PDB file of N, CA and C in Angstrom:
ATOM      1  N   MET A   1       0.838  -1.193   0.000  1.00  0.00           N
ATOM      2  CA  MET A   1       0.000   0.000   0.000  1.00  0.00           C
ATOM      3  C   MET A   1       0.878   1.250   0.000  1.00  0.00           C
ATOM      4  N   LYS A   2       0.497   2.221  -0.791  1.00  0.00           N
ATOM      5  CA  LYS A   2       1.236   3.471  -0.878  1.00  0.00           C
ATOM      6  C   LYS A   2       0.957   4.316   0.357  1.00  0.00           C
ATOM      7  N   ALA A   3       1.991   5.027   0.797  1.00  0.00           N
ATOM      8  CA  ALA A   3       1.865   5.868   1.989  1.00  0.00           C
ATOM      9  C   ALA A   3       0.816   6.962   1.783  1.00  0.00           C
ATOM     10  N   ASP A   4       0.138   7.300   2.863  1.00  0.00           N
ATOM     11  CA  ASP A   4      -0.863   8.360   2.861  1.00  0.00           C
ATOM     12  C   ASP A   4      -0.165   9.706   2.655  1.00  0.00           C
ATOM     13  N   THR A   5      -0.763  10.572   1.841  1.00  0.00           N
ATOM     14  CA  THR A   5      -0.198  11.897   1.582  1.00  0.00           C
ATOM     15  C   THR A   5      -1.233  12.968   1.880  1.00  0.00           C
ATOM     16  N   VAL A   6      -0.784  14.203   1.811  1.00  0.00           N
ATOM     17  CA  VAL A   6      -1.693  15.327   2.000  1.00  0.00           C
ATOM     18  C   VAL A   6      -2.797  15.300   0.943  1.00  0.00           C
ATOM     19  N   PHE A   7      -2.481  14.834  -0.274  1.00  0.00           N
ATOM     20  CA  PHE A   7      -3.507  14.781  -1.325  1.00  0.00           C
ATOM     21  C   PHE A   7      -4.548  13.710  -1.033  1.00  0.00           C
ATOM     22  N   ASP A   8      -4.140  12.598  -0.421  1.00  0.00           N
ATOM     23  CA  ASP A   8      -5.127  11.595   0.010  1.00  0.00           C
ATOM     24  C   ASP A   8      -6.089  12.223   1.014  1.00  0.00           C
ATOM     25  N   ARG A   9      -5.550  12.998   1.926  1.00  0.00           N
ATOM     26  CA  ARG A   9      -6.377  13.638   2.948  1.00  0.00           C
ATOM     27  C   ARG A   9      -7.307  14.681   2.330  1.00  0.00           C
ATOM     28  N   ILE A  10      -6.820  15.392   1.317  1.00  0.00           N
ATOM     29  CA  ILE A  10      -7.669  16.359   0.619  1.00  0.00           C
ATOM     30  C   ILE A  10      -8.813  15.644  -0.087  1.00  0.00           C
ATOM     31  N   LEU A  11      -8.503  14.533  -0.772  1.00  0.00           N
ATOM     32  CA  LEU A  11      -9.550  13.778  -1.465  1.00  0.00           C
ATOM     33  C   LEU A  11     -10.601  13.239  -0.502  1.00  0.00           C
ATOM     34  N   ARG A  12     -10.184  12.891   0.716  1.00  0.00           N
ATOM     35  CA  ARG A  12     -11.127  12.405   1.734  1.00  0.00           C
ATOM     36  C   ARG A  12     -11.838  13.565   2.437  1.00  0.00           C
ATOM     37  N   ARG A  13     -11.532  14.785   2.037  1.00  0.00           N
ATOM     38  CA  ARG A  13     -12.128  16.006   2.606  1.00  0.00           C
ATOM     39  C   ARG A  13     -11.743  16.210   4.069  1.00  0.00           C
ATOM     40  N   GLU A  14     -10.577  15.710   4.443  1.00  0.00           N
ATOM     41  CA  GLU A  14     -10.060  15.919   5.791  1.00  0.00           C
ATOM     42  C   GLU A  14      -9.339  17.269   5.904  1.00  0.00           C
ATOM     43  N   LEU A  15      -8.911  17.806   4.768  1.00  0.00           N
ATOM     44  CA  LEU A  15      -8.249  19.108   4.731  1.00  0.00           C
ATOM     45  C   LEU A  15      -9.006  20.001   3.757  1.00  0.00           C
ATOM     46  N   PRO A  16      -9.225  21.248   4.125  1.00  0.00           N
ATOM     47  CA  PRO A  16      -9.971  22.139   3.235  1.00  0.00           C
ATOM     48  C   PRO A  16      -9.082  22.672   2.107  1.00  0.00           C
ATOM     49  N   VAL A  17      -9.661  22.796   0.931  1.00  0.00           N
ATOM     50  CA  VAL A  17      -9.004  23.424  -0.209  1.00  0.00           C
ATOM     51  C   VAL A  17     -10.047  24.236  -0.971  1.00  0.00           C
ATOM     52  N   ARG A  18      -9.561  25.164  -1.780  1.00  0.00           N
ATOM     53  CA  ARG A  18     -10.452  25.941  -2.651  1.00  0.00           C
ATOM     54  C   ARG A  18     -10.508  25.219  -3.996  1.00  0.00           C
ATOM     55  N   VAL A  19     -11.564  24.457  -4.187  1.00  0.00           N
ATOM     56  CA  VAL A  19     -11.715  23.629  -5.380  1.00  0.00           C
ATOM     57  C   VAL A  19     -12.012  24.499  -6.594  1.00  0.00           C
ATOM     58  N   VAL A  20     -11.313  24.212  -7.686  1.00  0.00           N
ATOM     59  CA  VAL A  20     -11.514  24.886  -8.961  1.00  0.00           C
ATOM     60  C   VAL A  20     -12.340  24.001  -9.886  1.00  0.00           C
ATOM     61  N   HIS A  21     -12.085  22.702  -9.834  1.00  0.00           N
ATOM     62  CA  HIS A  21     -12.756  21.744 -10.721  1.00  0.00           C
ATOM     63  C   HIS A  21     -12.714  20.369 -10.059  1.00  0.00           C
ATOM     64  N   GLU A  22     -13.819  19.636 -10.241  1.00  0.00           N
ATOM     65  CA  GLU A  22     -13.845  18.251  -9.786  1.00  0.00           C
ATOM     66  C   GLU A  22     -14.765  17.473 -10.703  1.00  0.00           C
ATOM     67  N   ASP A  23     -14.309  16.290 -11.092  1.00  0.00           N
ATOM     68  CA  ASP A  23     -15.150  15.352 -11.815  1.00  0.00           C
ATOM     69  C   ASP A  23     -14.811  13.955 -11.310  1.00  0.00           C
ATOM     70  N   GLN A  24     -15.249  12.932 -11.992  1.00  0.00           N
ATOM     71  CA  GLN A  24     -15.041  11.571 -11.490  1.00  0.00           C
ATOM     72  C   GLN A  24     -13.582  11.158 -11.505  1.00  0.00           C
ATOM     73  N   ASP A  25     -12.742  11.842 -12.299  1.00  0.00           N
ATOM     74  CA  ASP A  25     -11.352  11.425 -12.465  1.00  0.00           C
ATOM     75  C   ASP A  25     -10.317  12.307 -11.783  1.00  0.00           C
ATOM     76  N   VAL A  26     -10.605  13.603 -11.629  1.00  0.00           N
ATOM     77  CA  VAL A  26      -9.598  14.541 -11.129  1.00  0.00           C
ATOM     78  C   VAL A  26     -10.188  15.533 -10.141  1.00  0.00           C
ATOM     79  N   LEU A  27      -9.277  16.120  -9.376  1.00  0.00           N
ATOM     80  CA  LEU A  27      -9.610  17.231  -8.488  1.00  0.00           C
ATOM     81  C   LEU A  27      -8.574  18.317  -8.754  1.00  0.00           C
ATOM     82  N   ALA A  28      -9.033  19.557  -8.925  1.00  0.00           N
ATOM     83  CA  ALA A  28      -8.150  20.704  -9.115  1.00  0.00           C
ATOM     84  C   ALA A  28      -8.459  21.729  -8.035  1.00  0.00           C
ATOM     85  N   PHE A  29      -7.403  22.282  -7.446  1.00  0.00           N
ATOM     86  CA  PHE A  29      -7.582  23.223  -6.343  1.00  0.00           C
ATOM     87  C   PHE A  29      -6.408  24.185  -6.276  1.00  0.00           C
ATOM     88  N   HIS A  30      -6.655  25.340  -5.646  1.00  0.00           N
ATOM     89  CA  HIS A  30      -5.612  26.352  -5.496  1.00  0.00           C
ATOM     90  C   HIS A  30      -4.519  25.846  -4.566  1.00  0.00           C
ATOM     91  N   ASP A  31      -3.261  26.118  -4.944  1.00  0.00           N
ATOM     92  CA  ASP A  31      -2.112  25.751  -4.122  1.00  0.00           C
ATOM     93  C   ASP A  31      -2.096  26.613  -2.863  1.00  0.00           C
ATOM     94  N   ALA A  32      -1.772  26.001  -1.743  1.00  0.00           N
ATOM     95  CA  ALA A  32      -1.731  26.726  -0.467  1.00  0.00           C
ATOM     96  C   ALA A  32      -0.564  27.715  -0.404  1.00  0.00           C
ATOM     97  N   HIS A  33       0.458  27.503  -1.232  1.00  0.00           N
ATOM     98  CA  HIS A  33       1.638  28.372  -1.252  1.00  0.00           C
ATOM     99  C   HIS A  33       1.934  28.758  -2.703  1.00  0.00           C
ATOM    100  N   PRO A  34       1.118  29.646  -3.275  1.00  0.00           N
ATOM    101  CA  PRO A  34       1.218  29.943  -4.701  1.00  0.00           C
ATOM    102  C   PRO A  34       2.559  30.557  -5.101  1.00  0.00           C
ATOM    103  N   GLN A  35       3.032  30.131  -6.266  1.00  0.00           N
ATOM    104  CA  GLN A  35       4.279  30.637  -6.838  1.00  0.00           C
ATOM    105  C   GLN A  35       4.033  31.543  -8.040  1.00  0.00           C
ATOM    106  N   ALA A  36       2.778  31.844  -8.301  1.00  0.00           N
ATOM    107  CA  ALA A  36       2.369  32.739  -9.383  1.00  0.00           C
ATOM    108  C   ALA A  36       0.986  33.280  -9.013  1.00  0.00           C
ATOM    109  N   PRO A  37       0.547  34.350  -9.670  1.00  0.00           N
ATOM    110  CA  PRO A  37      -0.796  34.864  -9.367  1.00  0.00           C
ATOM    111  C   PRO A  37      -1.888  33.797  -9.484  1.00  0.00           C
ATOM    112  N   VAL A  38      -1.742  32.888 -10.438  1.00  0.00           N
ATOM    113  CA  VAL A  38      -2.611  31.713 -10.501  1.00  0.00           C
ATOM    114  C   VAL A  38      -1.712  30.501 -10.322  1.00  0.00           C
ATOM    115  N   HIS A  39      -2.023  29.679  -9.331  1.00  0.00           N
ATOM    116  CA  HIS A  39      -1.269  28.442  -9.075  1.00  0.00           C
ATOM    117  C   HIS A  39      -2.272  27.399  -8.591  1.00  0.00           C
ATOM    118  N   VAL A  40      -2.601  26.495  -9.498  1.00  0.00           N
ATOM    119  CA  VAL A  40      -3.595  25.471  -9.226  1.00  0.00           C
ATOM    120  C   VAL A  40      -2.945  24.097  -9.386  1.00  0.00           C
ATOM    121  N   LEU A  41      -3.299  23.181  -8.508  1.00  0.00           N
ATOM    122  CA  LEU A  41      -2.829  21.800  -8.591  1.00  0.00           C
ATOM    123  C   LEU A  41      -3.945  20.930  -9.150  1.00  0.00           C
ATOM    124  N   VAL A  42      -3.579  19.983  -9.994  1.00  0.00           N
ATOM    125  CA  VAL A  42      -4.529  19.025 -10.534  1.00  0.00           C
ATOM    126  C   VAL A  42      -4.004  17.635 -10.185  1.00  0.00           C
ATOM    127  N   ILE A  43      -4.861  16.820  -9.547  1.00  0.00           N
ATOM    128  CA  ILE A  43      -4.463  15.463  -9.156  1.00  0.00           C
ATOM    129  C   ILE A  43      -5.476  14.457  -9.704  1.00  0.00           C
ATOM    130  N   PRO A  44      -4.990  13.295 -10.109  1.00  0.00           N
ATOM    131  CA  PRO A  44      -5.932  12.240 -10.478  1.00  0.00           C
ATOM    132  C   PRO A  44      -6.523  11.638  -9.205  1.00  0.00           C
ATOM    133  N   LYS A  45      -7.755  11.216  -9.268  1.00  0.00           N
ATOM    134  CA  LYS A  45      -8.354  10.596  -8.084  1.00  0.00           C
ATOM    135  C   LYS A  45      -7.831   9.183  -7.856  1.00  0.00           C
ATOM    136  N   LYS A  46      -7.364   8.541  -8.913  1.00  0.00           N
ATOM    137  CA  LYS A  46      -6.711   7.240  -8.767  1.00  0.00           C
ATOM    138  C   LYS A  46      -5.245   7.519  -8.474  1.00  0.00           C
ATOM    139  N   LYS A  47      -4.774   7.082  -7.323  1.00  0.00           N
ATOM    140  CA  LYS A  47      -3.447   7.440  -6.851  1.00  0.00           C
ATOM    141  C   LYS A  47      -2.335   6.802  -7.675  1.00  0.00           C
ATOM    142  N   VAL A  48      -1.413   7.660  -8.086  1.00  0.00           N
ATOM    143  CA  VAL A  48      -0.171   7.281  -8.742  1.00  0.00           C
ATOM    144  C   VAL A  48       0.918   8.092  -8.048  1.00  0.00           C
ATOM    145  N   THR A  49       2.027   7.470  -7.710  1.00  0.00           N
ATOM    146  CA  THR A  49       3.068   8.142  -6.930  1.00  0.00           C
ATOM    147  C   THR A  49       3.735   9.286  -7.679  1.00  0.00           C
ATOM    148  N   SER A  50       4.023   9.087  -8.967  1.00  0.00           N
ATOM    149  CA  SER A  50       4.711  10.127  -9.731  1.00  0.00           C
ATOM    150  C   SER A  50       4.484   9.896 -11.219  1.00  0.00           C
ATOM    151  N   LEU A  51       4.975  10.816 -12.017  1.00  0.00           N
ATOM    152  CA  LEU A  51       4.869  10.670 -13.461  1.00  0.00           C
ATOM    153  C   LEU A  51       5.568   9.391 -13.923  1.00  0.00           C
ATOM    154  N   ASP A  52       6.606   9.002 -13.223  1.00  0.00           N
ATOM    155  CA  ASP A  52       7.344   7.785 -13.565  1.00  0.00           C
ATOM    156  C   ASP A  52       6.465   6.538 -13.470  1.00  0.00           C
ATOM    157  N   GLN A  53       5.418   6.585 -12.678  1.00  0.00           N
ATOM    158  CA  GLN A  53       4.491   5.466 -12.538  1.00  0.00           C
ATOM    159  C   GLN A  53       3.187   5.690 -13.318  1.00  0.00           C
ATOM    160  N   LEU A  54       3.211   6.566 -14.300  1.00  0.00           N
ATOM    161  CA  LEU A  54       2.009   6.859 -15.067  1.00  0.00           C
ATOM    162  C   LEU A  54       1.414   5.602 -15.692  1.00  0.00           C
ATOM    163  N   GLY A  55       2.243   4.609 -15.958  1.00  0.00           N
ATOM    164  CA  GLY A  55       1.771   3.350 -16.528  1.00  0.00           C
ATOM    165  C   GLY A  55       0.788   2.608 -15.640  1.00  0.00           C
ATOM    166  N   GLU A  56       0.680   2.998 -14.370  1.00  0.00           N
ATOM    167  CA  GLU A  56      -0.307   2.389 -13.476  1.00  0.00           C
ATOM    168  C   GLU A  56      -1.723   2.850 -13.817  1.00  0.00           C
ATOM    169  N   LEU A  57      -1.831   3.944 -14.575  1.00  0.00           N
ATOM    170  CA  LEU A  57      -3.128   4.393 -15.060  1.00  0.00           C
ATOM    171  C   LEU A  57      -3.333   3.819 -16.454  1.00  0.00           C
ATOM    172  N   SER A  58      -4.573   3.599 -16.818  1.00  0.00           N
ATOM    173  CA  SER A  58      -4.853   3.189 -18.198  1.00  0.00           C
ATOM    174  C   SER A  58      -4.571   4.379 -19.114  1.00  0.00           C
ATOM    175  N   ALA A  59      -4.446   4.123 -20.388  1.00  0.00           N
ATOM    176  CA  ALA A  59      -4.241   5.206 -21.348  1.00  0.00           C
ATOM    177  C   ALA A  59      -5.387   6.207 -21.272  1.00  0.00           C
ATOM    178  N   GLU A  60      -6.596   5.708 -21.073  1.00  0.00           N
ATOM    179  CA  GLU A  60      -7.755   6.596 -20.971  1.00  0.00           C
ATOM    180  C   GLU A  60      -7.675   7.461 -19.718  1.00  0.00           C
ATOM    181  N   GLU A  61      -7.287   6.868 -18.591  1.00  0.00           N
ATOM    182  CA  GLU A  61      -7.169   7.640 -17.344  1.00  0.00           C
ATOM    183  C   GLU A  61      -6.073   8.693 -17.459  1.00  0.00           C
ATOM    184  N   ALA A  62      -4.938   8.331 -18.032  1.00  0.00           N
ATOM    185  CA  ALA A  62      -3.841   9.284 -18.208  1.00  0.00           C
ATOM    186  C   ALA A  62      -4.270  10.412 -19.143  1.00  0.00           C
ATOM    187  N   GLY A  63      -4.972  10.056 -20.205  1.00  0.00           N
ATOM    188  CA  GLY A  63      -5.463  11.067 -21.138  1.00  0.00           C
ATOM    189  C   GLY A  63      -6.455  12.013 -20.497  1.00  0.00           C
ATOM    190  N   ARG A  64      -7.357  11.467 -19.697  1.00  0.00           N
ATOM    191  CA  ARG A  64      -8.345  12.324 -19.014  1.00  0.00           C
ATOM    192  C   ARG A  64      -7.663  13.269 -18.028  1.00  0.00           C
ATOM    193  N   PHE A  65      -6.602  12.793 -17.384  1.00  0.00           N
ATOM    194  CA  PHE A  65      -5.842  13.648 -16.465  1.00  0.00           C
ATOM    195  C   PHE A  65      -5.259  14.840 -17.232  1.00  0.00           C
ATOM    196  N   LEU A  66      -4.582  14.574 -18.345  1.00  0.00           N
ATOM    197  CA  LEU A  66      -3.981  15.666 -19.117  1.00  0.00           C
ATOM    198  C   LEU A  66      -5.033  16.562 -19.745  1.00  0.00           C
ATOM    199  N   GLN A  67      -6.125  15.982 -20.203  1.00  0.00           N
ATOM    200  CA  GLN A  67      -7.209  16.804 -20.747  1.00  0.00           C
ATOM    201  C   GLN A  67      -7.790  17.708 -19.670  1.00  0.00           C
ATOM    202  N   ALA A  68      -7.887  17.203 -18.450  1.00  0.00           N
ATOM    203  CA  ALA A  68      -8.406  18.013 -17.346  1.00  0.00           C
ATOM    204  C   ALA A  68      -7.467  19.176 -17.042  1.00  0.00           C
ATOM    205  N   VAL A  69      -6.155  18.943 -17.103  1.00  0.00           N
ATOM    206  CA  VAL A  69      -5.201  20.027 -16.865  1.00  0.00           C
ATOM    207  C   VAL A  69      -5.460  21.159 -17.861  1.00  0.00           C
ATOM    208  N   ALA A  70      -5.586  20.822 -19.129  1.00  0.00           N
ATOM    209  CA  ALA A  70      -5.837  21.842 -20.156  1.00  0.00           C
ATOM    210  C   ALA A  70      -7.190  22.521 -19.947  1.00  0.00           C
ATOM    211  N   ALA A  71      -8.217  21.747 -19.617  1.00  0.00           N
ATOM    212  CA  ALA A  71      -9.551  22.313 -19.412  1.00  0.00           C
ATOM    213  C   ALA A  71      -9.569  23.261 -18.211  1.00  0.00           C
ATOM    214  N   VAL A  72      -8.881  22.896 -17.148  1.00  0.00           N
ATOM    215  CA  VAL A  72      -8.829  23.763 -15.967  1.00  0.00           C
ATOM    216  C   VAL A  72      -8.119  25.069 -16.320  1.00  0.00           C
ATOM    217  N   ALA A  73      -7.013  24.984 -17.045  1.00  0.00           N
ATOM    218  CA  ALA A  73      -6.295  26.201 -17.445  1.00  0.00           C
ATOM    219  C   ALA A  73      -7.183  27.099 -18.298  1.00  0.00           C
ATOM    220  N   ARG A  74      -7.921  26.500 -19.240  1.00  0.00           N
ATOM    221  CA  ARG A  74      -8.852  27.293 -20.052  1.00  0.00           C
ATOM    222  C   ARG A  74      -9.922  27.918 -19.173  1.00  0.00           C
ATOM    223  N   GLY A  75     -10.453  27.135 -18.231  1.00  0.00           N
ATOM    224  CA  GLY A  75     -11.484  27.632 -17.330  1.00  0.00           C
ATOM    225  C   GLY A  75     -11.013  28.770 -16.445  1.00  0.00           C
ATOM    226  N   LEU A  76      -9.719  28.815 -16.179  1.00  0.00           N
ATOM    227  CA  LEU A  76      -9.131  29.892 -15.386  1.00  0.00           C
ATOM    228  C   LEU A  76      -8.821  31.121 -16.234  1.00  0.00           C
ATOM    229  N   GLY A  77      -9.107  31.035 -17.529  1.00  0.00           N
ATOM    230  CA  GLY A  77      -8.868  32.157 -18.423  1.00  0.00           C
ATOM    231  C   GLY A  77      -7.415  32.341 -18.815  1.00  0.00           C
ATOM    232  N   LEU A  78      -6.643  31.270 -18.797  1.00  0.00           N
ATOM    233  CA  LEU A  78      -5.209  31.380 -19.065  1.00  0.00           C
ATOM    234  C   LEU A  78      -4.817  31.071 -20.505  1.00  0.00           C
ATOM    235  N   ALA A  79      -5.741  30.564 -21.291  1.00  0.00           N
ATOM    236  CA  ALA A  79      -5.384  30.087 -22.636  1.00  0.00           C
ATOM    237  C   ALA A  79      -4.833  31.200 -23.530  1.00  0.00           C
ATOM    238  N   ASP A  80      -5.389  32.390 -23.486  1.00  0.00           N
ATOM    239  CA  ASP A  80      -4.947  33.460 -24.378  1.00  0.00           C
ATOM    240  C   ASP A  80      -3.558  33.981 -24.029  1.00  0.00           C
ATOM    241  N   SER A  81      -3.297  34.196 -22.751  1.00  0.00           N
ATOM    242  CA  SER A  81      -2.008  34.765 -22.354  1.00  0.00           C
ATOM    243  C   SER A  81      -0.933  33.698 -22.174  1.00  0.00           C
ATOM    244  N   GLY A  82      -1.326  32.464 -21.947  1.00  0.00           N
ATOM    245  CA  GLY A  82      -0.371  31.373 -21.758  1.00  0.00           C
ATOM    246  C   GLY A  82      -0.226  30.987 -20.297  1.00  0.00           C
ATOM    247  N   TYR A  83       0.289  29.805 -20.101  1.00  0.00           N
ATOM    248  CA  TYR A  83       0.483  29.267 -18.760  1.00  0.00           C
ATOM    249  C   TYR A  83       1.546  28.184 -18.826  1.00  0.00           C
ATOM    250  N   ARG A  84       2.048  27.805 -17.678  1.00  0.00           N
ATOM    251  CA  ARG A  84       3.039  26.738 -17.583  1.00  0.00           C
ATOM    252  C   ARG A  84       2.430  25.598 -16.783  1.00  0.00           C
ATOM    253  N   VAL A  85       2.697  24.384 -17.224  1.00  0.00           N
ATOM    254  CA  VAL A  85       2.316  23.182 -16.491  1.00  0.00           C
ATOM    255  C   VAL A  85       3.607  22.506 -16.049  1.00  0.00           C
ATOM    256  N   VAL A  86       3.718  22.253 -14.750  1.00  0.00           N
ATOM    257  CA  VAL A  86       4.911  21.625 -14.193  1.00  0.00           C
ATOM    258  C   VAL A  86       4.500  20.339 -13.496  1.00  0.00           C
ATOM    259  N   ILE A  87       5.200  19.259 -13.822  1.00  0.00           N
ATOM    260  CA  ILE A  87       5.039  17.993 -13.109  1.00  0.00           C
ATOM    261  C   ILE A  87       6.418  17.592 -12.631  1.00  0.00           C
ATOM    262  N   ASN A  88       6.668  17.731 -11.342  1.00  0.00           N
ATOM    263  CA  ASN A  88       7.939  17.334 -10.756  1.00  0.00           C
ATOM    264  C   ASN A  88       7.943  15.824 -10.547  1.00  0.00           C
ATOM    265  N   CYS A  89       9.080  15.192 -10.809  1.00  0.00           N
ATOM    266  CA  CYS A  89       9.177  13.741 -10.668  1.00  0.00           C
ATOM    267  C   CYS A  89      10.467  13.388  -9.946  1.00  0.00           C
ATOM    268  N   GLY A  90      10.336  13.028  -8.682  1.00  0.00           N
ATOM    269  CA  GLY A  90      11.493  12.606  -7.898  1.00  0.00           C
ATOM    270  C   GLY A  90      12.145  13.728  -7.113  1.00  0.00           C
ATOM    271  N   LYS A  91      13.072  13.329  -6.253  1.00  0.00           N
ATOM    272  CA  LYS A  91      13.671  14.286  -5.311  1.00  0.00           C
ATOM    273  C   LYS A  91      14.512  15.353  -5.997  1.00  0.00           C
ATOM    274  N   ASP A  92      15.251  15.005  -7.056  1.00  0.00           N
ATOM    275  CA  ASP A  92      16.056  16.013  -7.741  1.00  0.00           C
ATOM    276  C   ASP A  92      15.200  17.058  -8.438  1.00  0.00           C
ATOM    277  N   ALA A  93      13.963  16.710  -8.755  1.00  0.00           N
ATOM    278  CA  ALA A  93      13.034  17.661  -9.372  1.00  0.00           C
ATOM    279  C   ALA A  93      12.209  18.399  -8.325  1.00  0.00           C
ATOM    280  N   ASN A  94      12.482  18.120  -7.048  1.00  0.00           N
ATOM    281  CA  ASN A  94      11.797  18.767  -5.928  1.00  0.00           C
ATOM    282  C   ASN A  94      10.336  18.342  -5.806  1.00  0.00           C
ATOM    283  N   GLN A  95      10.040  17.071  -6.139  1.00  0.00           N
ATOM    284  CA  GLN A  95       8.685  16.562  -5.906  1.00  0.00           C
ATOM    285  C   GLN A  95       8.510  16.442  -4.402  1.00  0.00           C
ATOM    286  N   SER A  96       7.576  17.202  -3.843  1.00  0.00           N
ATOM    287  CA  SER A  96       7.431  17.254  -2.382  1.00  0.00           C
ATOM    288  C   SER A  96       6.327  16.341  -1.857  1.00  0.00           C
ATOM    289  N   VAL A  97       5.439  15.874  -2.734  1.00  0.00           N
ATOM    290  CA  VAL A  97       4.367  14.971  -2.327  1.00  0.00           C
ATOM    291  C   VAL A  97       4.411  13.759  -3.249  1.00  0.00           C
ATOM    292  N   ASP A  98       4.463  12.568  -2.669  1.00  0.00           N
ATOM    293  CA  ASP A  98       4.512  11.335  -3.458  1.00  0.00           C
ATOM    294  C   ASP A  98       3.132  10.979  -3.988  1.00  0.00           C
ATOM    295  N   TYR A  99       2.649  11.824  -4.874  1.00  0.00           N
ATOM    296  CA  TYR A  99       1.341  11.659  -5.517  1.00  0.00           C
ATOM    297  C   TYR A  99       1.425  12.492  -6.789  1.00  0.00           C
ATOM    298  N   LEU A 100       1.165  11.895  -7.934  1.00  0.00           N
ATOM    299  CA  LEU A 100       1.215  12.618  -9.200  1.00  0.00           C
ATOM    300  C   LEU A 100       0.342  13.864  -9.129  1.00  0.00           C
ATOM    301  N   HIS A 101       0.917  14.990  -9.498  1.00  0.00           N
ATOM    302  CA  HIS A 101       0.154  16.225  -9.545  1.00  0.00           C
ATOM    303  C   HIS A 101       0.783  17.189 -10.545  1.00  0.00           C
ATOM    304  N   ALA A 102      -0.072  17.957 -11.189  1.00  0.00           N
ATOM    305  CA  ALA A 102       0.372  18.970 -12.137  1.00  0.00           C
ATOM    306  C   ALA A 102       0.119  20.342 -11.540  1.00  0.00           C
ATOM    307  N   HIS A 103       1.111  21.209 -11.655  1.00  0.00           N
ATOM    308  CA  HIS A 103       0.978  22.605 -11.245  1.00  0.00           C
ATOM    309  C   HIS A 103       0.623  23.414 -12.481  1.00  0.00           C
ATOM    310  N   ILE A 104      -0.449  24.173 -12.432  1.00  0.00           N
ATOM    311  CA  ILE A 104      -0.777  25.138 -13.481  1.00  0.00           C
ATOM    312  C   ILE A 104      -0.395  26.505 -12.928  1.00  0.00           C
ATOM    313  N   LEU A 105       0.518  27.181 -13.617  1.00  0.00           N
ATOM    314  CA  LEU A 105       1.011  28.490 -13.192  1.00  0.00           C
ATOM    315  C   LEU A 105       0.689  29.510 -14.269  1.00  0.00           C
ATOM    316  N   GLY A 106       0.131  30.647 -13.869  1.00  0.00           N
ATOM    317  CA  GLY A 106      -0.215  31.644 -14.865  1.00  0.00           C
ATOM    318  C   GLY A 106      -0.350  33.041 -14.322  1.00  0.00           C
ATOM    319  N   ARG A 107      -0.628  33.946 -15.245  1.00  0.00           N
ATOM    320  CA  ARG A 107      -0.807  35.383 -15.014  1.00  0.00           C
ATOM    321  C   ARG A 107       0.478  36.082 -14.591  1.00  0.00           C
ATOM    322  N   ARG A 108       1.603  35.540 -15.029  1.00  0.00           N
ATOM    323  CA  ARG A 108       2.880  36.250 -14.937  1.00  0.00           C
ATOM    324  C   ARG A 108       3.787  35.703 -16.025  1.00  0.00           C
ATOM    325  N   HIS A 109       4.765  36.484 -16.428  1.00  0.00           N
ATOM    326  CA  HIS A 109       5.716  36.051 -17.436  1.00  0.00           C
ATOM    327  C   HIS A 109       6.632  34.993 -16.830  1.00  0.00           C
ATOM    328  N   MET A 110       6.799  33.897 -17.517  1.00  0.00           N
ATOM    329  CA  MET A 110       7.665  32.803 -17.058  1.00  0.00           C
ATOM    330  C   MET A 110       9.023  32.948 -17.734  1.00  0.00           C
ATOM    331  N   ARG A 111      10.059  32.626 -17.005  1.00  0.00           N
ATOM    332  CA  ARG A 111      11.413  32.676 -17.546  1.00  0.00           C
ATOM    333  C   ARG A 111      11.852  31.308 -18.008  1.00  0.00           C
ATOM    334  N   TRP A 112      12.852  31.303 -18.877  1.00  0.00           N
ATOM    335  CA  TRP A 112      13.454  30.052 -19.342  1.00  0.00           C
ATOM    336  C   TRP A 112      14.945  30.211 -19.301  1.00  0.00           C
ATOM    337  N   PRO A 113      15.690  29.270 -18.844  1.00  0.00           N
ATOM    338  CA  PRO A 113      15.206  27.969 -18.377  1.00  0.00           C
ATOM    339  C   PRO A 113      14.669  28.055 -16.952  1.00  0.00           C
ATOM    340  N   PRO A 114      13.734  27.182 -16.633  1.00  0.00           N
ATOM    341  CA  PRO A 114      13.221  27.150 -15.251  1.00  0.00           C
ATOM    342  C   PRO A 114      14.247  26.487 -14.346  1.00  0.00           C
ATOM    343  N   GLY A 115      14.181  26.790 -13.057  1.00  0.00           N
ATOM    344  CA  GLY A 115      15.022  26.139 -12.062  1.00  0.00           C
ATOM    345  C   GLY A 115      16.466  26.247 -12.384  1.00  0.00           C
TER     346      GLY A 115
END
């Protein structure tokens, strides 16, 4: 069994979040420590530890996760000006929660290269 994370607790409604979007496959909510004017996290409801374990989801589940990321960004009004999607994978990438999640960052100019 995979260790319990803060995202498991959020899905069980044990911790409050400001929900942006929810459907049968994903939950999207505002980050508690935003790094941009818009900073939303999107998590699949079926637990996967990281992007490296994406194969644990079916192709349809993985596709719905990515489609939800794009739909949430559009719903936040970020499509015209642009946004960044970040998925950290592993300790060197600074993944702080062992649960696959995408960060949607927007409403500020992003620099390259990141990090």
